[in-house]
Amino acid sequence: MSRPSRSGVSSGDRRHLRADPTKQRKYELLAQGQFFAPVVDLASAYVAAAIADPAGTEGEFWALSCLPGTTPRRLSALTMRITDILVIYRAEPVQTTQVDALMIVERSTLEAGFGTRALARKRYPRLRFTDSDYHGAGMDQMMISGPYKQMIRSLRDEPVMDAAREMARRMMRGGRVMHWRGHNPLLADHVLGRA
């Protein structure tokens, strides 16, 4: 019998996720294409900046999807509780090979770190800093969105790192990820440096 983890996800459930042919097919499709490196690079930057124990919380408190069928152009989403905290997608028009992303962070921490939102925009003119009201992320939230390379750059900046970390901490304190079955451990292997 499989032993359940802290969240109730058993090791048997984890093995099933890894062996799931649909997850393997989606992972292989992404891995063979031009969008794999941007997805891995951005998800890795987010995990390194925001999650204190990524390997210990993977699949329980956060899940990483691979080519989810729920939204057109979406390449991957990192979900906590019921909220997509990081979404990586093909930019429009879809004929281009550009990758954009959005990330939900704690507004008060970001604004305290920069002093004002205008200063954040000045430092990152290609990114958008807008109020958001994603379900499940609480009142104190902001969306940062734009080209994935600029998003990676911002995640190396202390005010953005702190704002991402505070949002992640709050979300994971709220309980396990509801969509853990959507987690793709094959993609997570690359994000966590196991592949």
C-alpha atoms as a PDB file:
ATOM      1  CA  MET A   1       0.000   0.000   0.000  1.00  0.00           C
ATOM      2  CA  SER A   2       1.263   3.482  -0.882  1.00  0.00           C
ATOM      3  CA  ARG A   3       1.995   5.763   2.034  1.00  0.00           C
ATOM      4  CA  PRO A   4       0.295   9.179   1.788  1.00  0.00           C
ATOM      5  CA  SER A   5       2.375  12.326   2.063  1.00  0.00           C
ATOM      6  CA  ARG A   6       1.545  15.324   4.227  1.00  0.00           C
ATOM      7  CA  SER A   7      -1.116  16.387   1.758  1.00  0.00           C
ATOM      8  CA  GLY A   8      -2.642  12.962   1.207  1.00  0.00           C
ATOM      9  CA  VAL A   9      -0.925  12.328  -2.142  1.00  0.00           C
ATOM     10  CA  SER A  10       0.448   8.801  -2.028  1.00  0.00           C
ATOM     11  CA  SER A  11       3.704   7.660  -3.576  1.00  0.00           C
ATOM     12  CA  GLY A  12       1.596   5.428  -5.830  1.00  0.00           C
ATOM     13  CA  ASP A  13      -0.252   8.509  -7.083  1.00  0.00           C
ATOM     14  CA  ARG A  14       3.124  10.149  -7.779  1.00  0.00           C
ATOM     15  CA  ARG A  15       4.340   7.113  -9.758  1.00  0.00           C
ATOM     16  CA  HIS A  16       1.095   7.130 -11.737  1.00  0.00           C
ATOM     17  CA  LEU A  17       1.606  10.813 -12.639  1.00  0.00           C
ATOM     18  CA  ARG A  18       5.109  10.079 -13.911  1.00  0.00           C
ATOM     19  CA  ALA A  19       3.927   7.074 -15.966  1.00  0.00           C
ATOM     20  CA  ASP A  20       0.829   8.791 -17.388  1.00  0.00           C
ATOM     21  CA  PRO A  21       1.097   8.482 -21.210  1.00  0.00           C
ATOM     22  CA  THR A  22      -0.708  11.791 -21.781  1.00  0.00           C
ATOM     23  CA  LYS A  23       1.786  13.624 -19.558  1.00  0.00           C
ATOM     24  CA  GLN A  24       4.678  11.894 -21.330  1.00  0.00           C
ATOM     25  CA  ARG A  25       3.279  12.809 -24.760  1.00  0.00           C
ATOM     26  CA  LYS A  26       2.757  16.474 -23.808  1.00  0.00           C
ATOM     27  CA  TYR A  27       6.203  16.669 -22.249  1.00  0.00           C
ATOM     28  CA  GLU A  28       7.816  15.163 -25.394  1.00  0.00           C
ATOM     29  CA  LEU A  29       5.883  17.551 -27.632  1.00  0.00           C
ATOM     30  CA  LEU A  30       7.074  20.568 -25.630  1.00  0.00           C
ATOM     31  CA  ALA A  31      10.634  19.199 -25.269  1.00  0.00           C
ATOM     32  CA  GLN A  32      11.019  18.775 -29.037  1.00  0.00           C
ATOM     33  CA  GLY A  33       9.904  22.299 -29.835  1.00  0.00           C
ATOM     34  CA  GLN A  34      11.196  25.848 -29.672  1.00  0.00           C
ATOM     35  CA  PHE A  35       9.242  26.750 -26.525  1.00  0.00           C
ATOM     36  CA  PHE A  36      10.874  24.245 -24.172  1.00  0.00           C
ATOM     37  CA  ALA A  37      13.865  26.389 -23.162  1.00  0.00           C
ATOM     38  CA  PRO A  38      11.762  29.507 -22.413  1.00  0.00           C
ATOM     39  CA  VAL A  39       9.345  27.472 -20.272  1.00  0.00           C
ATOM     40  CA  VAL A  40      12.117  25.754 -18.318  1.00  0.00           C
ATOM     41  CA  ASP A  41      14.169  28.929 -17.911  1.00  0.00           C
ATOM     42  CA  LEU A  42      11.269  31.019 -16.619  1.00  0.00           C
ATOM     43  CA  ALA A  43       9.768  28.325 -14.381  1.00  0.00           C
ATOM     44  CA  SER A  44      13.252  27.648 -12.952  1.00  0.00           C
ATOM     45  CA  ALA A  45      13.781  31.348 -12.247  1.00  0.00           C
ATOM     46  CA  TYR A  46      10.399  31.582 -10.523  1.00  0.00           C
ATOM     47  CA  VAL A  47      10.911  28.462  -8.392  1.00  0.00           C
ATOM     48  CA  ALA A  48      14.407  29.591  -7.355  1.00  0.00           C
ATOM     49  CA  ALA A  49      13.164  33.076  -6.425  1.00  0.00           C
ATOM     50  CA  ALA A  50       9.844  32.270  -4.775  1.00  0.00           C
ATOM     51  CA  ILE A  51       9.694  28.763  -3.289  1.00  0.00           C
ATOM     52  CA  ALA A  52      11.731  27.997  -0.178  1.00  0.00           C
ATOM     53  CA  ASP A  53      11.640  24.180  -0.506  1.00  0.00           C
ATOM     54  CA  PRO A  54      10.734  23.446  -4.122  1.00  0.00           C
ATOM     55  CA  ALA A  55      11.556  19.716  -4.123  1.00  0.00           C
ATOM     56  CA  GLY A  56       9.801  19.135  -0.800  1.00  0.00           C
ATOM     57  CA  THR A  57       6.599  20.915  -1.865  1.00  0.00           C
ATOM     58  CA  GLU A  58       6.437  19.844  -5.532  1.00  0.00           C
ATOM     59  CA  GLY A  59       3.175  18.220  -6.532  1.00  0.00           C
ATOM     60  CA  GLU A  60       1.655  18.916  -3.115  1.00  0.00           C
ATOM     61  CA  PHE A  61       1.741  22.684  -2.680  1.00  0.00           C
ATOM     62  CA  TRP A  62       2.531  23.650  -6.257  1.00  0.00           C
ATOM     63  CA  ALA A  63       1.938  21.948  -9.590  1.00  0.00           C
ATOM     64  CA  LEU A  64       3.497  22.636 -12.985  1.00  0.00           C
ATOM     65  CA  SER A  65       1.409  21.852 -16.040  1.00  0.00           C
ATOM     66  CA  CYS A  66       2.742  21.075 -19.502  1.00  0.00           C
ATOM     67  CA  LEU A  67       0.724  22.146 -22.562  1.00  0.00           C
ATOM     68  CA  PRO A  68      -2.576  22.226 -20.653  1.00  0.00           C
ATOM     69  CA  GLY A  69      -5.583  21.877 -22.915  1.00  0.00           C
ATOM     70  CA  THR A  70      -7.682  24.338 -20.931  1.00  0.00           C
ATOM     71  CA  THR A  71      -6.470  27.569 -22.556  1.00  0.00           C
ATOM     72  CA  PRO A  72      -5.274  28.186 -26.132  1.00  0.00           C
ATOM     73  CA  ARG A  73      -1.614  29.320 -26.475  1.00  0.00           C
ATOM     74  CA  ARG A  74      -0.784  28.255 -22.898  1.00  0.00           C
ATOM     75  CA  LEU A  75       2.523  26.403 -22.633  1.00  0.00           C
ATOM     76  CA  SER A  76       2.672  25.891 -18.874  1.00  0.00           C
ATOM     77  CA  ALA A  77       1.250  27.151 -15.604  1.00  0.00           C
ATOM     78  CA  LEU A  78       2.549  26.909 -12.067  1.00  0.00           C
ATOM     79  CA  THR A  79      -0.436  26.613  -9.754  1.00  0.00           C
ATOM     80  CA  MET A  80      -0.758  27.037  -5.986  1.00  0.00           C
ATOM     81  CA  ARG A  81      -4.043  26.169  -4.266  1.00  0.00           C
ATOM     82  CA  ILE A  82      -6.501  26.993  -7.090  1.00  0.00           C
ATOM     83  CA  THR A  83      -4.588  29.921  -8.575  1.00  0.00           C
ATOM     84  CA  ASP A  84      -2.283  29.979 -11.586  1.00  0.00           C
ATOM     85  CA  ILE A  85       0.553  32.019 -10.067  1.00  0.00           C
ATOM     86  CA  LEU A  86       2.833  31.839 -13.126  1.00  0.00           C
ATOM     87  CA  VAL A  87       1.447  31.385 -16.640  1.00  0.00           C
ATOM     88  CA  ILE A  88       3.726  30.984 -19.669  1.00  0.00           C
ATOM     89  CA  TYR A  89       2.134  31.302 -23.106  1.00  0.00           C
ATOM     90  CA  ARG A  90       2.767  31.960 -26.777  1.00  0.00           C
ATOM     91  CA  ALA A  91       2.520  35.639 -27.609  1.00  0.00           C
ATOM     92  CA  GLU A  92       0.129  36.843 -30.272  1.00  0.00           C
ATOM     93  CA  PRO A  93       0.176  36.596 -33.176  1.00  0.00           C
ATOM     94  CA  VAL A  94       0.741  32.878 -32.760  1.00  0.00           C
ATOM     95  CA  GLN A  95       2.864  32.769 -35.917  1.00  0.00           C
ATOM     96  CA  THR A  96       5.662  34.393 -33.944  1.00  0.00           C
ATOM     97  CA  THR A  97       7.946  32.419 -31.678  1.00  0.00           C
ATOM     98  CA  GLN A  98       7.683  34.934 -28.854  1.00  0.00           C
ATOM     99  CA  VAL A  99       6.879  33.766 -25.340  1.00  0.00           C
ATOM    100  CA  ASP A 100       5.116  35.954 -22.799  1.00  0.00           C
ATOM    101  CA  ALA A 101       4.155  35.297 -19.210  1.00  0.00           C
ATOM    102  CA  LEU A 102       2.228  36.623 -16.287  1.00  0.00           C
ATOM    103  CA  MET A 103       2.978  36.242 -12.609  1.00  0.00           C
ATOM    104  CA  ILE A 104       0.931  37.086  -9.527  1.00  0.00           C
ATOM    105  CA  VAL A 105       2.909  38.700  -6.698  1.00  0.00           C
ATOM    106  CA  GLU A 106       2.111  40.450  -3.436  1.00  0.00           C
ATOM    107  CA  ARG A 107       1.348  44.087  -4.304  1.00  0.00           C
ATOM    108  CA  SER A 108       2.272  45.655  -0.952  1.00  0.00           C
ATOM    109  CA  THR A 109       5.691  43.957  -0.903  1.00  0.00           C
ATOM    110  CA  LEU A 110       6.451  44.940  -4.501  1.00  0.00           C
ATOM    111  CA  GLU A 111       5.441  48.566  -3.987  1.00  0.00           C
ATOM    112  CA  ALA A 112       7.374  48.779  -0.708  1.00  0.00           C
ATOM    113  CA  GLY A 113      10.450  47.345  -2.435  1.00  0.00           C
ATOM    114  CA  PHE A 114      10.396  49.791  -5.347  1.00  0.00           C
ATOM    115  CA  GLY A 115       8.923  52.742  -3.467  1.00  0.00           C
ATOM    116  CA  THR A 116       6.257  53.259  -6.130  1.00  0.00           C
ATOM    117  CA  ARG A 117       4.802  51.307  -9.007  1.00  0.00           C
ATOM    118  CA  ALA A 118       6.100  54.008 -11.354  1.00  0.00           C
ATOM    119  CA  LEU A 119       9.667  53.167 -10.304  1.00  0.00           C
ATOM    120  CA  ALA A 120       9.022  49.493 -11.043  1.00  0.00           C
ATOM    121  CA  ARG A 121       7.791  50.447 -14.518  1.00  0.00           C
ATOM    122  CA  LYS A 122      10.808  52.666 -15.035  1.00  0.00           C
ATOM    123  CA  ARG A 123      13.200  49.829 -14.208  1.00  0.00           C
ATOM    124  CA  TYR A 124      11.256  47.344 -16.384  1.00  0.00           C
ATOM    125  CA  PRO A 125       9.644  49.360 -19.210  1.00  0.00           C
ATOM    126  CA  ARG A 126       8.727  46.215 -21.187  1.00  0.00           C
ATOM    127  CA  LEU A 127       6.755  44.733 -18.273  1.00  0.00           C
ATOM    128  CA  ARG A 128       3.249  45.667 -17.159  1.00  0.00           C
ATOM    129  CA  PHE A 129       2.482  46.073 -13.449  1.00  0.00           C
ATOM    130  CA  THR A 130      -1.294  45.991 -13.024  1.00  0.00           C
ATOM    131  CA  ASP A 131      -3.781  45.349 -10.232  1.00  0.00           C
ATOM    132  CA  SER A 132      -5.302  41.902 -10.421  1.00  0.00           C
ATOM    133  CA  ASP A 133      -8.032  39.963  -8.689  1.00  0.00           C
ATOM    134  CA  TYR A 134      -7.221  36.345  -9.431  1.00  0.00           C
ATOM    135  CA  HIS A 135      -9.564  34.079  -7.529  1.00  0.00           C
ATOM    136  CA  GLY A 136      -7.883  32.570  -4.498  1.00  0.00           C
ATOM    137  CA  ALA A 137      -4.899  34.957  -4.328  1.00  0.00           C
ATOM    138  CA  GLY A 138      -6.443  37.399  -1.849  1.00  0.00           C
ATOM    139  CA  MET A 139      -6.777  41.170  -1.985  1.00  0.00           C
ATOM    140  CA  ASP A 140      -3.066  42.040  -1.841  1.00  0.00           C
ATOM    141  CA  GLN A 141      -2.028  40.994  -5.344  1.00  0.00           C
ATOM    142  CA  MET A 142      -0.580  42.433  -8.523  1.00  0.00           C
ATOM    143  CA  MET A 143       0.066  40.976 -11.952  1.00  0.00           C
ATOM    144  CA  ILE A 144       3.418  41.407 -13.669  1.00  0.00           C
ATOM    145  CA  SER A 145       3.270  40.466 -17.347  1.00  0.00           C
ATOM    146  CA  GLY A 146       5.352  40.713 -20.482  1.00  0.00           C
ATOM    147  CA  PRO A 147       8.156  39.007 -22.429  1.00  0.00           C
ATOM    148  CA  TYR A 148       9.606  35.976 -20.672  1.00  0.00           C
ATOM    149  CA  LYS A 149      13.240  37.193 -20.754  1.00  0.00           C
ATOM    150  CA  GLN A 150      12.245  40.383 -18.958  1.00  0.00           C
ATOM    151  CA  MET A 151      10.278  38.310 -16.450  1.00  0.00           C
ATOM    152  CA  ILE A 152      13.390  36.216 -15.745  1.00  0.00           C
ATOM    153  CA  ARG A 153      15.440  39.374 -15.311  1.00  0.00           C
ATOM    154  CA  SER A 154      12.883  40.805 -12.881  1.00  0.00           C
ATOM    155  CA  LEU A 155      12.970  37.615 -10.781  1.00  0.00           C
ATOM    156  CA  ARG A 156      16.630  38.325 -10.031  1.00  0.00           C
ATOM    157  CA  ASP A 157      15.703  41.720  -8.580  1.00  0.00           C
ATOM    158  CA  GLU A 158      15.107  41.784  -4.824  1.00  0.00           C
ATOM    159  CA  PRO A 159      11.761  43.683  -4.797  1.00  0.00           C
ATOM    160  CA  VAL A 160      10.241  41.263  -7.329  1.00  0.00           C
ATOM    161  CA  MET A 161      11.794  38.211  -5.634  1.00  0.00           C
ATOM    162  CA  ASP A 162      10.398  39.313  -2.277  1.00  0.00           C
ATOM    163  CA  ALA A 163       6.932  39.980  -3.717  1.00  0.00           C
ATOM    164  CA  ALA A 164       6.878  36.590  -5.485  1.00  0.00           C
ATOM    165  CA  ARG A 165       8.151  34.816  -2.346  1.00  0.00           C
ATOM    166  CA  GLU A 166       5.532  36.439  -0.100  1.00  0.00           C
ATOM    167  CA  MET A 167       2.710  35.489  -2.458  1.00  0.00           C
ATOM    168  CA  ALA A 168       4.013  31.908  -2.736  1.00  0.00           C
ATOM    169  CA  ARG A 169       4.416  31.602   1.029  1.00  0.00           C
ATOM    170  CA  ARG A 170       0.868  32.848   1.614  1.00  0.00           C
ATOM    171  CA  MET A 171      -0.611  30.571  -1.043  1.00  0.00           C
ATOM    172  CA  MET A 172       1.179  27.453   0.175  1.00  0.00           C
ATOM    173  CA  ARG A 173       0.269  28.192   3.795  1.00  0.00           C
ATOM    174  CA  GLY A 174      -3.359  28.041   2.632  1.00  0.00           C
ATOM    175  CA  GLY A 175      -3.083  24.335   1.813  1.00  0.00           C
ATOM    176  CA  ARG A 176      -2.174  21.935  -0.923  1.00  0.00           C
ATOM    177  CA  VAL A 177      -2.608  22.591  -4.617  1.00  0.00           C
ATOM    178  CA  MET A 178      -6.050  21.547  -5.812  1.00  0.00           C
ATOM    179  CA  HIS A 179      -4.914  20.589  -9.323  1.00  0.00           C
ATOM    180  CA  TRP A 180      -2.062  18.263  -8.353  1.00  0.00           C
ATOM    181  CA  ARG A 181      -3.195  15.738 -10.957  1.00  0.00           C
ATOM    182  CA  GLY A 182      -2.213  18.286 -13.635  1.00  0.00           C
ATOM    183  CA  HIS A 183       1.394  18.311 -12.415  1.00  0.00           C
ATOM    184  CA  ASN A 184       3.913  17.122 -14.995  1.00  0.00           C
ATOM    185  CA  PRO A 185       6.877  15.625 -13.096  1.00  0.00           C
ATOM    186  CA  LEU A 186       8.879  15.217 -16.316  1.00  0.00           C
ATOM    187  CA  LEU A 187       8.852  18.978 -16.909  1.00  0.00           C
ATOM    188  CA  ALA A 188       9.444  19.601 -13.194  1.00  0.00           C
ATOM    189  CA  ASP A 189      12.583  17.424 -13.413  1.00  0.00           C
ATOM    190  CA  HIS A 190      14.123  20.058 -15.706  1.00  0.00           C
ATOM    191  CA  VAL A 191      12.883  22.995 -13.638  1.00  0.00           C
ATOM    192  CA  LEU A 192      14.340  21.476 -10.465  1.00  0.00           C
ATOM    193  CA  GLY A 193      17.627  20.476 -12.127  1.00  0.00           C
ATOM    194  CA  ARG A 194      17.041  16.718 -11.882  1.00  0.00           C
ATOM    195  CA  ALA A 195      17.154  16.043 -15.622  1.00  0.00           C
END
